[in-house]
Amino acid sequence: MAKVLIGHVGDIDAKGARTVRYRDVEIAVFRLSDGEVRAVENRCPHKGGKLAEGMVCGTAVHCPLHDWKIDLKSGNAYEPDEGCVETYETEVDPASGAIYITL
């Protein structure tokens, strides 16, 4: 596993997202309203919509294509939909605000 610096908290608005690429993986990084940072594969399990373009609501993101709701902690789609995306462990350095993802 690799711990990768992908940016800083100040780079992402509250309830916003940023897309990063690591090798051949596109990752959506979200900053929740409580300041927590979450990272998931940037692809909805339904039709591949870019989750980073979706609306964040609580700890979930709504896919911009068909409004599937994806939990940003588990990566699972909310019922009645089924499917999941890869989640990535995130860490924010409290002193610098640097965001690291473990891949």
PDB file of N, CA and C in Angstrom:
ATOM      1  N   MET A   1       0.835  -1.187   0.000  1.00  0.00           N
ATOM      2  CA  MET A   1       0.000   0.000   0.000  1.00  0.00           C
ATOM      3  C   MET A   1       0.872   1.241   0.000  1.00  0.00           C
ATOM      4  N   ALA A   2       0.367   2.263  -0.646  1.00  0.00           N
ATOM      5  CA  ALA A   2       1.101   3.516  -0.729  1.00  0.00           C
ATOM      6  C   ALA A   2       0.260   4.648  -0.167  1.00  0.00           C
ATOM      7  N   LYS A   3       0.885   5.519   0.598  1.00  0.00           N
ATOM      8  CA  LYS A   3       0.234   6.717   1.127  1.00  0.00           C
ATOM      9  C   LYS A   3       0.663   7.870   0.220  1.00  0.00           C
ATOM     10  N   VAL A   4      -0.309   8.493  -0.444  1.00  0.00           N
ATOM     11  CA  VAL A   4      -0.028   9.476  -1.478  1.00  0.00           C
ATOM     12  C   VAL A   4      -0.608  10.838  -1.106  1.00  0.00           C
ATOM     13  N   LEU A   5       0.208  11.873  -1.184  1.00  0.00           N
ATOM     14  CA  LEU A   5      -0.253  13.246  -0.990  1.00  0.00           C
ATOM     15  C   LEU A   5      -1.018  13.663  -2.237  1.00  0.00           C
ATOM     16  N   ILE A   6      -2.281  14.095  -2.039  1.00  0.00           N
ATOM     17  CA  ILE A   6      -3.090  14.456  -3.216  1.00  0.00           C
ATOM     18  C   ILE A   6      -3.544  15.912  -3.212  1.00  0.00           C
ATOM     19  N   GLY A   7      -3.218  16.662  -2.166  1.00  0.00           N
ATOM     20  CA  GLY A   7      -3.614  18.065  -2.132  1.00  0.00           C
ATOM     21  C   GLY A   7      -3.792  18.550  -0.715  1.00  0.00           C
ATOM     22  N   HIS A   8      -4.521  19.653  -0.574  1.00  0.00           N
ATOM     23  CA  HIS A   8      -4.760  20.261   0.736  1.00  0.00           C
ATOM     24  C   HIS A   8      -6.245  20.524   0.927  1.00  0.00           C
ATOM     25  N   VAL A   9      -6.673  20.511   2.166  1.00  0.00           N
ATOM     26  CA  VAL A   9      -8.082  20.724   2.492  1.00  0.00           C
ATOM     27  C   VAL A   9      -8.590  22.010   1.860  1.00  0.00           C
ATOM     28  N   GLY A  10      -7.786  23.056   1.852  1.00  0.00           N
ATOM     29  CA  GLY A  10      -8.190  24.329   1.276  1.00  0.00           C
ATOM     30  C   GLY A  10      -8.461  24.277  -0.217  1.00  0.00           C
ATOM     31  N   ASP A  11      -8.036  23.188  -0.885  1.00  0.00           N
ATOM     32  CA  ASP A  11      -8.268  23.025  -2.322  1.00  0.00           C
ATOM     33  C   ASP A  11      -9.695  22.595  -2.634  1.00  0.00           C
ATOM     34  N   ILE A  12     -10.434  22.143  -1.606  1.00  0.00           N
ATOM     35  CA  ILE A  12     -11.781  21.597  -1.815  1.00  0.00           C
ATOM     36  C   ILE A  12     -12.776  22.387  -0.965  1.00  0.00           C
ATOM     37  N   ASP A  13     -13.785  22.951  -1.600  1.00  0.00           N
ATOM     38  CA  ASP A  13     -14.832  23.663  -0.866  1.00  0.00           C
ATOM     39  C   ASP A  13     -15.634  22.677  -0.015  1.00  0.00           C
ATOM     40  N   ALA A  14     -16.228  23.179   1.067  1.00  0.00           N
ATOM     41  CA  ALA A  14     -17.132  22.345   1.868  1.00  0.00           C
ATOM     42  C   ALA A  14     -18.261  21.842   0.970  1.00  0.00           C
ATOM     43  N   LYS A  15     -18.575  20.570   1.084  1.00  0.00           N
ATOM     44  CA  LYS A  15     -19.564  19.881   0.261  1.00  0.00           C
ATOM     45  C   LYS A  15     -19.167  19.873  -1.209  1.00  0.00           C
ATOM     46  N   GLY A  16     -17.873  19.989  -1.460  1.00  0.00           N
ATOM     47  CA  GLY A  16     -17.358  19.970  -2.826  1.00  0.00           C
ATOM     48  C   GLY A  16     -16.486  18.755  -3.076  1.00  0.00           C
ATOM     49  N   ALA A  17     -15.966  18.684  -4.289  1.00  0.00           N
ATOM     50  CA  ALA A  17     -15.155  17.539  -4.686  1.00  0.00           C
ATOM     51  C   ALA A  17     -13.999  17.976  -5.564  1.00  0.00           C
ATOM     52  N   ARG A  18     -13.049  17.091  -5.651  1.00  0.00           N
ATOM     53  CA  ARG A  18     -11.882  17.275  -6.508  1.00  0.00           C
ATOM     54  C   ARG A  18     -11.548  15.910  -7.091  1.00  0.00           C
ATOM     55  N   THR A  19     -11.074  15.871  -8.309  1.00  0.00           N
ATOM     56  CA  THR A  19     -10.690  14.622  -8.947  1.00  0.00           C
ATOM     57  C   THR A  19      -9.172  14.540  -9.014  1.00  0.00           C
ATOM     58  N   VAL A  20      -8.652  13.379  -8.641  1.00  0.00           N
ATOM     59  CA  VAL A  20      -7.220  13.121  -8.757  1.00  0.00           C
ATOM     60  C   VAL A  20      -7.035  11.800  -9.474  1.00  0.00           C
ATOM     61  N   ARG A  21      -5.905  11.657 -10.118  1.00  0.00           N
ATOM     62  CA  ARG A  21      -5.581  10.412 -10.813  1.00  0.00           C
ATOM     63  C   ARG A  21      -4.297   9.862 -10.217  1.00  0.00           C
ATOM     64  N   TYR A  22      -4.334   8.576  -9.920  1.00  0.00           N
ATOM     65  CA  TYR A  22      -3.132   7.890  -9.458  1.00  0.00           C
ATOM     66  C   TYR A  22      -2.974   6.664 -10.338  1.00  0.00           C
ATOM     67  N   ARG A  23      -1.918   6.682 -11.135  1.00  0.00           N
ATOM     68  CA  ARG A  23      -1.695   5.642 -12.142  1.00  0.00           C
ATOM     69  C   ARG A  23      -2.918   5.558 -13.035  1.00  0.00           C
ATOM     70  N   ASP A  24      -3.628   4.435 -13.063  1.00  0.00           N
ATOM     71  CA  ASP A  24      -4.787   4.316 -13.956  1.00  0.00           C
ATOM     72  C   ASP A  24      -6.125   4.442 -13.221  1.00  0.00           C
ATOM     73  N   VAL A  25      -6.093   4.966 -11.995  1.00  0.00           N
ATOM     74  CA  VAL A  25      -7.309   5.086 -11.183  1.00  0.00           C
ATOM     75  C   VAL A  25      -7.701   6.553 -11.043  1.00  0.00           C
ATOM     76  N   GLU A  26      -8.963   6.855 -11.352  1.00  0.00           N
ATOM     77  CA  GLU A  26      -9.492   8.199 -11.126  1.00  0.00           C
ATOM     78  C   GLU A  26     -10.265   8.173  -9.814  1.00  0.00           C
ATOM     79  N   ILE A  27      -9.933   9.108  -8.919  1.00  0.00           N
ATOM     80  CA  ILE A  27     -10.484   9.129  -7.569  1.00  0.00           C
ATOM     81  C   ILE A  27     -11.197  10.458  -7.336  1.00  0.00           C
ATOM     82  N   ALA A  28     -12.389  10.378  -6.746  1.00  0.00           N
ATOM     83  CA  ALA A  28     -13.128  11.569  -6.354  1.00  0.00           C
ATOM     84  C   ALA A  28     -12.873  11.796  -4.869  1.00  0.00           C
ATOM     85  N   VAL A  29     -12.425  12.993  -4.520  1.00  0.00           N
ATOM     86  CA  VAL A  29     -12.140  13.347  -3.129  1.00  0.00           C
ATOM     87  C   VAL A  29     -13.161  14.390  -2.705  1.00  0.00           C
ATOM     88  N   PHE A  30     -13.884  14.107  -1.635  1.00  0.00           N
ATOM     89  CA  PHE A  30     -14.971  14.954  -1.168  1.00  0.00           C
ATOM     90  C   PHE A  30     -14.637  15.551   0.190  1.00  0.00           C
ATOM     91  N   ARG A  31     -15.055  16.782   0.388  1.00  0.00           N
ATOM     92  CA  ARG A  31     -14.964  17.424   1.701  1.00  0.00           C
ATOM     93  C   ARG A  31     -16.384  17.617   2.208  1.00  0.00           C
ATOM     94  N   LEU A  32     -16.716  16.908   3.274  1.00  0.00           N
ATOM     95  CA  LEU A  32     -18.069  16.955   3.816  1.00  0.00           C
ATOM     96  C   LEU A  32     -18.290  18.233   4.608  1.00  0.00           C
ATOM     97  N   SER A  33     -19.536  18.526   4.920  1.00  0.00           N
ATOM     98  CA  SER A  33     -19.859  19.772   5.622  1.00  0.00           C
ATOM     99  C   SER A  33     -19.217  19.846   7.002  1.00  0.00           C
ATOM    100  N   ASP A  34     -18.921  18.696   7.626  1.00  0.00           N
ATOM    101  CA  ASP A  34     -18.263  18.698   8.938  1.00  0.00           C
ATOM    102  C   ASP A  34     -16.741  18.766   8.821  1.00  0.00           C
ATOM    103  N   GLY A  35     -16.217  18.912   7.599  1.00  0.00           N
ATOM    104  CA  GLY A  35     -14.786  19.020   7.371  1.00  0.00           C
ATOM    105  C   GLY A  35     -14.095  17.705   7.085  1.00  0.00           C
ATOM    106  N   GLU A  36     -14.787  16.595   7.288  1.00  0.00           N
ATOM    107  CA  GLU A  36     -14.213  15.277   7.022  1.00  0.00           C
ATOM    108  C   GLU A  36     -13.940  15.131   5.527  1.00  0.00           C
ATOM    109  N   VAL A  37     -12.878  14.411   5.181  1.00  0.00           N
ATOM    110  CA  VAL A  37     -12.513  14.189   3.783  1.00  0.00           C
ATOM    111  C   VAL A  37     -12.671  12.708   3.469  1.00  0.00           C
ATOM    112  N   ARG A  38     -13.349  12.411   2.376  1.00  0.00           N
ATOM    113  CA  ARG A  38     -13.580  11.035   1.935  1.00  0.00           C
ATOM    114  C   ARG A  38     -13.148  10.890   0.486  1.00  0.00           C
ATOM    115  N   ALA A  39     -12.701   9.681   0.115  1.00  0.00           N
ATOM    116  CA  ALA A  39     -12.270   9.426  -1.255  1.00  0.00           C
ATOM    117  C   ALA A  39     -12.857   8.113  -1.750  1.00  0.00           C
ATOM    118  N   VAL A  40     -13.389   8.144  -2.968  1.00  0.00           N
ATOM    119  CA  VAL A  40     -13.965   6.955  -3.596  1.00  0.00           C
ATOM    120  C   VAL A  40     -13.575   6.931  -5.073  1.00  0.00           C
ATOM    121  N   GLU A  41     -13.719   5.765  -5.647  1.00  0.00           N
ATOM    122  CA  GLU A  41     -13.543   5.616  -7.082  1.00  0.00           C
ATOM    123  C   GLU A  41     -14.523   6.571  -7.772  1.00  0.00           C
ATOM    124  N   ASN A  42     -14.064   7.282  -8.772  1.00  0.00           N
ATOM    125  CA  ASN A  42     -14.900   8.300  -9.422  1.00  0.00           C
ATOM    126  C   ASN A  42     -15.748   7.699 -10.543  1.00  0.00           C
ATOM    127  N   ARG A  43     -16.525   6.661 -10.181  1.00  0.00           N
ATOM    128  CA  ARG A  43     -17.341   5.986 -11.182  1.00  0.00           C
ATOM    129  C   ARG A  43     -18.531   5.348 -10.502  1.00  0.00           C
ATOM    130  N   CYS A  44     -19.729   5.791 -10.847  1.00  0.00           N
ATOM    131  CA  CYS A  44     -20.945   5.204 -10.286  1.00  0.00           C
ATOM    132  C   CYS A  44     -21.062   3.748 -10.744  1.00  0.00           C
ATOM    133  N   PRO A  45     -21.481   2.838  -9.844  1.00  0.00           N
ATOM    134  CA  PRO A  45     -21.596   1.434 -10.239  1.00  0.00           C
ATOM    135  C   PRO A  45     -22.740   1.166 -11.227  1.00  0.00           C
ATOM    136  N   HIS A  46     -23.617   2.127 -11.418  1.00  0.00           N
ATOM    137  CA  HIS A  46     -24.761   1.950 -12.315  1.00  0.00           C
ATOM    138  C   HIS A  46     -24.365   2.121 -13.771  1.00  0.00           C
ATOM    139  N   LYS A  47     -23.986   3.323 -14.152  1.00  0.00           N
ATOM    140  CA  LYS A  47     -23.656   3.615 -15.557  1.00  0.00           C
ATOM    141  C   LYS A  47     -22.334   4.360 -15.711  1.00  0.00           C
ATOM    142  N   GLY A  48     -21.534   4.395 -14.639  1.00  0.00           N
ATOM    143  CA  GLY A  48     -20.206   4.996 -14.745  1.00  0.00           C
ATOM    144  C   GLY A  48     -20.170   6.511 -14.637  1.00  0.00           C
ATOM    145  N   GLY A  49     -21.233   7.125 -14.136  1.00  0.00           N
ATOM    146  CA  GLY A  49     -21.242   8.584 -13.985  1.00  0.00           C
ATOM    147  C   GLY A  49     -20.117   9.071 -13.091  1.00  0.00           C
ATOM    148  N   LYS A  50     -19.611  10.253 -13.356  1.00  0.00           N
ATOM    149  CA  LYS A  50     -18.521  10.850 -12.579  1.00  0.00           C
ATOM    150  C   LYS A  50     -19.067  11.357 -11.250  1.00  0.00           C
ATOM    151  N   LEU A  51     -18.773  10.647 -10.168  1.00  0.00           N
ATOM    152  CA  LEU A  51     -19.303  11.008  -8.855  1.00  0.00           C
ATOM    153  C   LEU A  51     -18.822  12.373  -8.385  1.00  0.00           C
ATOM    154  N   ALA A  52     -17.640  12.797  -8.802  1.00  0.00           N
ATOM    155  CA  ALA A  52     -17.121  14.108  -8.406  1.00  0.00           C
ATOM    156  C   ALA A  52     -18.006  15.243  -8.928  1.00  0.00           C
ATOM    157  N   GLU A  53     -18.836  14.967  -9.915  1.00  0.00           N
ATOM    158  CA  GLU A  53     -19.741  15.972 -10.466  1.00  0.00           C
ATOM    159  C   GLU A  53     -21.102  15.946  -9.782  1.00  0.00           C
ATOM    160  N   GLY A  54     -21.287  15.031  -8.823  1.00  0.00           N
ATOM    161  CA  GLY A  54     -22.559  14.896  -8.137  1.00  0.00           C
ATOM    162  C   GLY A  54     -22.687  15.835  -6.952  1.00  0.00           C
ATOM    163  N   MET A  55     -23.883  15.863  -6.385  1.00  0.00           N
ATOM    164  CA  MET A  55     -24.170  16.716  -5.234  1.00  0.00           C
ATOM    165  C   MET A  55     -23.938  15.933  -3.944  1.00  0.00           C
ATOM    166  N   VAL A  56     -23.199  16.537  -3.006  1.00  0.00           N
ATOM    167  CA  VAL A  56     -22.940  15.919  -1.716  1.00  0.00           C
ATOM    168  C   VAL A  56     -24.064  16.291  -0.759  1.00  0.00           C
ATOM    169  N   CYS A  57     -24.578  15.279  -0.067  1.00  0.00           N
ATOM    170  CA  CYS A  57     -25.647  15.484   0.908  1.00  0.00           C
ATOM    171  C   CYS A  57     -25.326  14.612   2.120  1.00  0.00           C
ATOM    172  N   GLY A  58     -24.931  15.235   3.221  1.00  0.00           N
ATOM    173  CA  GLY A  58     -24.529  14.472   4.397  1.00  0.00           C
ATOM    174  C   GLY A  58     -23.259  13.700   4.114  1.00  0.00           C
ATOM    175  N   THR A  59     -23.335  12.375   4.231  1.00  0.00           N
ATOM    176  CA  THR A  59     -22.168  11.529   3.955  1.00  0.00           C
ATOM    177  C   THR A  59     -22.354  10.731   2.670  1.00  0.00           C
ATOM    178  N   ALA A  60     -23.168  11.271   1.760  1.00  0.00           N
ATOM    179  CA  ALA A  60     -23.439  10.588   0.494  1.00  0.00           C
ATOM    180  C   ALA A  60     -23.262  11.560  -0.668  1.00  0.00           C
ATOM    181  N   VAL A  61     -23.083  10.978  -1.845  1.00  0.00           N
ATOM    182  CA  VAL A  61     -23.047  11.770  -3.073  1.00  0.00           C
ATOM    183  C   VAL A  61     -24.109  11.201  -4.005  1.00  0.00           C
ATOM    184  N   HIS A  62     -24.797  12.100  -4.720  1.00  0.00           N
ATOM    185  CA  HIS A  62     -25.799  11.701  -5.698  1.00  0.00           C
ATOM    186  C   HIS A  62     -25.144  11.698  -7.071  1.00  0.00           C
ATOM    187  N   CYS A  63     -25.204  10.567  -7.747  1.00  0.00           N
ATOM    188  CA  CYS A  63     -24.628  10.478  -9.092  1.00  0.00           C
ATOM    189  C   CYS A  63     -25.341  11.473 -10.005  1.00  0.00           C
ATOM    190  N   PRO A  64     -24.592  12.225 -10.817  1.00  0.00           N
ATOM    191  CA  PRO A  64     -25.222  13.230 -11.677  1.00  0.00           C
ATOM    192  C   PRO A  64     -26.012  12.637 -12.845  1.00  0.00           C
ATOM    193  N   LEU A  65     -25.826  11.364 -13.153  1.00  0.00           N
ATOM    194  CA  LEU A  65     -26.548  10.786 -14.289  1.00  0.00           C
ATOM    195  C   LEU A  65     -27.960  10.335 -13.940  1.00  0.00           C
ATOM    196  N   HIS A  66     -28.097   9.501 -12.920  1.00  0.00           N
ATOM    197  CA  HIS A  66     -29.397   8.918 -12.607  1.00  0.00           C
ATOM    198  C   HIS A  66     -29.758   9.019 -11.131  1.00  0.00           C
ATOM    199  N   ASP A  67     -29.060   9.892 -10.407  1.00  0.00           N
ATOM    200  CA  ASP A  67     -29.364  10.206  -9.010  1.00  0.00           C
ATOM    201  C   ASP A  67     -29.212   9.031  -8.049  1.00  0.00           C
ATOM    202  N   TRP A  68     -28.368   8.053  -8.394  1.00  0.00           N
ATOM    203  CA  TRP A  68     -28.068   7.013  -7.418  1.00  0.00           C
ATOM    204  C   TRP A  68     -27.345   7.673  -6.262  1.00  0.00           C
ATOM    205  N   LYS A  69     -27.654   7.239  -5.055  1.00  0.00           N
ATOM    206  CA  LYS A  69     -27.044   7.802  -3.854  1.00  0.00           C
ATOM    207  C   LYS A  69     -25.974   6.819  -3.354  1.00  0.00           C
ATOM    208  N   ILE A  70     -24.725   7.291  -3.258  1.00  0.00           N
ATOM    209  CA  ILE A  70     -23.596   6.449  -2.864  1.00  0.00           C
ATOM    210  C   ILE A  70     -23.069   6.926  -1.512  1.00  0.00           C
ATOM    211  N   ASP A  71     -22.979   6.002  -0.559  1.00  0.00           N
ATOM    212  CA  ASP A  71     -22.437   6.323   0.768  1.00  0.00           C
ATOM    213  C   ASP A  71     -20.926   6.498   0.656  1.00  0.00           C
ATOM    214  N   LEU A  72     -20.425   7.637   1.099  1.00  0.00           N
ATOM    215  CA  LEU A  72     -18.998   7.936   0.958  1.00  0.00           C
ATOM    216  C   LEU A  72     -18.132   7.226   1.998  1.00  0.00           C
ATOM    217  N   LYS A  73     -18.740   6.645   3.017  1.00  0.00           N
ATOM    218  CA  LYS A  73     -17.967   5.883   4.012  1.00  0.00           C
ATOM    219  C   LYS A  73     -17.793   4.433   3.590  1.00  0.00           C
ATOM    220  N   SER A  74     -18.871   3.817   3.127  1.00  0.00           N
ATOM    221  CA  SER A  74     -18.819   2.391   2.768  1.00  0.00           C
ATOM    222  C   SER A  74     -18.619   2.144   1.278  1.00  0.00           C
ATOM    223  N   GLY A  75     -19.022   3.116   0.448  1.00  0.00           N
ATOM    224  CA  GLY A  75     -18.968   2.934  -0.998  1.00  0.00           C
ATOM    225  C   GLY A  75     -20.208   2.260  -1.562  1.00  0.00           C
ATOM    226  N   ASN A  76     -21.142   1.877  -0.702  1.00  0.00           N
ATOM    227  CA  ASN A  76     -22.347   1.166  -1.139  1.00  0.00           C
ATOM    228  C   ASN A  76     -23.425   2.117  -1.642  1.00  0.00           C
ATOM    229  N   ALA A  77     -24.166   1.640  -2.640  1.00  0.00           N
ATOM    230  CA  ALA A  77     -25.336   2.377  -3.116  1.00  0.00           C
ATOM    231  C   ALA A  77     -26.459   2.205  -2.100  1.00  0.00           C
ATOM    232  N   TYR A  78     -27.244   3.247  -1.910  1.00  0.00           N
ATOM    233  CA  TYR A  78     -28.405   3.174  -1.027  1.00  0.00           C
ATOM    234  C   TYR A  78     -29.492   2.349  -1.713  1.00  0.00           C
ATOM    235  N   GLU A  79     -30.252   1.612  -0.891  1.00  0.00           N
ATOM    236  CA  GLU A  79     -31.383   0.832  -1.421  1.00  0.00           C
ATOM    237  C   GLU A  79     -32.419   1.765  -2.011  1.00  0.00           C
ATOM    238  N   PRO A  80     -33.143   1.393  -3.020  1.00  0.00           N
ATOM    239  CA  PRO A  80     -33.254   0.049  -3.553  1.00  0.00           C
ATOM    240  C   PRO A  80     -32.176  -0.306  -4.566  1.00  0.00           C
ATOM    241  N   ASP A  81     -31.263   0.624  -4.855  1.00  0.00           N
ATOM    242  CA  ASP A  81     -30.199   0.354  -5.824  1.00  0.00           C
ATOM    243  C   ASP A  81     -29.159  -0.568  -5.200  1.00  0.00           C
ATOM    244  N   GLU A  82     -28.400  -1.244  -6.043  1.00  0.00           N
ATOM    245  CA  GLU A  82     -27.373  -2.157  -5.585  1.00  0.00           C
ATOM    246  C   GLU A  82     -26.073  -1.897  -6.319  1.00  0.00           C
ATOM    247  N   GLY A  83     -24.976  -2.052  -5.613  1.00  0.00           N
ATOM    248  CA  GLY A  83     -23.661  -1.872  -6.197  1.00  0.00           C
ATOM    249  C   GLY A  83     -22.776  -1.122  -5.223  1.00  0.00           C
ATOM    250  N   CYS A  84     -21.505  -1.042  -5.547  1.00  0.00           N
ATOM    251  CA  CYS A  84     -20.587  -0.307  -4.681  1.00  0.00           C
ATOM    252  C   CYS A  84     -19.391   0.188  -5.490  1.00  0.00           C
ATOM    253  N   VAL A  85     -18.693   1.136  -4.900  1.00  0.00           N
ATOM    254  CA  VAL A  85     -17.466   1.662  -5.478  1.00  0.00           C
ATOM    255  C   VAL A  85     -16.343   1.453  -4.470  1.00  0.00           C
ATOM    256  N   GLU A  86     -15.134   1.466  -4.955  1.00  0.00           N
ATOM    257  CA  GLU A  86     -13.955   1.346  -4.093  1.00  0.00           C
ATOM    258  C   GLU A  86     -13.827   2.599  -3.230  1.00  0.00           C
ATOM    259  N   THR A  87     -13.526   2.410  -1.962  1.00  0.00           N
ATOM    260  CA  THR A  87     -13.265   3.540  -1.069  1.00  0.00           C
ATOM    261  C   THR A  87     -11.789   3.546  -0.724  1.00  0.00           C
ATOM    262  N   TYR A  88     -11.276   4.708  -0.369  1.00  0.00           N
ATOM    263  CA  TYR A  88      -9.865   4.859  -0.032  1.00  0.00           C
ATOM    264  C   TYR A  88      -9.731   5.557   1.309  1.00  0.00           C
ATOM    265  N   GLU A  89      -8.842   5.039   2.132  1.00  0.00           N
ATOM    266  CA  GLU A  89      -8.594   5.651   3.432  1.00  0.00           C
ATOM    267  C   GLU A  89      -7.962   7.018   3.225  1.00  0.00           C
ATOM    268  N   THR A  90      -8.471   8.016   3.930  1.00  0.00           N
ATOM    269  CA  THR A  90      -7.917   9.363   3.837  1.00  0.00           C
ATOM    270  C   THR A  90      -7.390   9.798   5.194  1.00  0.00           C
ATOM    271  N   GLU A  91      -6.416  10.679   5.138  1.00  0.00           N
ATOM    272  CA  GLU A  91      -5.834  11.252   6.356  1.00  0.00           C
ATOM    273  C   GLU A  91      -5.516  12.712   6.072  1.00  0.00           C
ATOM    274  N   VAL A  92      -5.903  13.581   6.999  1.00  0.00           N
ATOM    275  CA  VAL A  92      -5.607  15.002   6.861  1.00  0.00           C
ATOM    276  C   VAL A  92      -4.637  15.384   7.971  1.00  0.00           C
ATOM    277  N   ASP A  93      -3.511  15.955   7.589  1.00  0.00           N
ATOM    278  CA  ASP A  93      -2.535  16.427   8.569  1.00  0.00           C
ATOM    279  C   ASP A  93      -3.109  17.685   9.213  1.00  0.00           C
ATOM    280  N   PRO A  94      -3.353  17.641  10.527  1.00  0.00           N
ATOM    281  CA  PRO A  94      -3.991  18.798  11.185  1.00  0.00           C
ATOM    282  C   PRO A  94      -3.146  20.072  11.156  1.00  0.00           C
ATOM    283  N   ALA A  95      -1.835  19.940  11.089  1.00  0.00           N
ATOM    284  CA  ALA A  95      -0.975  21.125  11.095  1.00  0.00           C
ATOM    285  C   ALA A  95      -0.931  21.809   9.726  1.00  0.00           C
ATOM    286  N   SER A  96      -0.828  21.011   8.655  1.00  0.00           N
ATOM    287  CA  SER A  96      -0.652  21.601   7.330  1.00  0.00           C
ATOM    288  C   SER A  96      -1.910  21.568   6.469  1.00  0.00           C
ATOM    289  N   GLY A  97      -2.870  20.690   6.810  1.00  0.00           N
ATOM    290  CA  GLY A  97      -4.057  20.530   5.987  1.00  0.00           C
ATOM    291  C   GLY A  97      -3.825  19.635   4.781  1.00  0.00           C
ATOM    292  N   ALA A  98      -2.660  18.992   4.699  1.00  0.00           N
ATOM    293  CA  ALA A  98      -2.348  18.097   3.590  1.00  0.00           C
ATOM    294  C   ALA A  98      -3.255  16.874   3.647  1.00  0.00           C
ATOM    295  N   ILE A  99      -3.729  16.452   2.481  1.00  0.00           N
ATOM    296  CA  ILE A  99      -4.598  15.270   2.383  1.00  0.00           C
ATOM    297  C   ILE A  99      -3.787  14.127   1.782  1.00  0.00           C
ATOM    298  N   TYR A 100      -3.841  12.991   2.477  1.00  0.00           N
ATOM    299  CA  TYR A 100      -3.178  11.776   2.005  1.00  0.00           C
ATOM    300  C   TYR A 100      -4.228  10.694   1.778  1.00  0.00           C
ATOM    301  N   ILE A 101      -4.042   9.898   0.731  1.00  0.00           N
ATOM    302  CA  ILE A 101      -4.891   8.754   0.450  1.00  0.00           C
ATOM    303  C   ILE A 101      -4.016   7.515   0.485  1.00  0.00           C
ATOM    304  N   THR A 102      -4.522   6.464   1.122  1.00  0.00           N
ATOM    305  CA  THR A 102      -3.821   5.186   1.122  1.00  0.00           C
ATOM    306  C   THR A 102      -4.381   4.334   0.000  1.00  0.00           C
ATOM    307  N   LEU A 103      -3.503   3.939  -0.901  1.00  0.00           N
ATOM    308  CA  LEU A 103      -3.906   3.121  -2.063  1.00  0.00           C
ATOM    309  C   LEU A 103      -3.263   1.756  -1.981  1.00  0.00           C
TER     310      LEU A 103
END
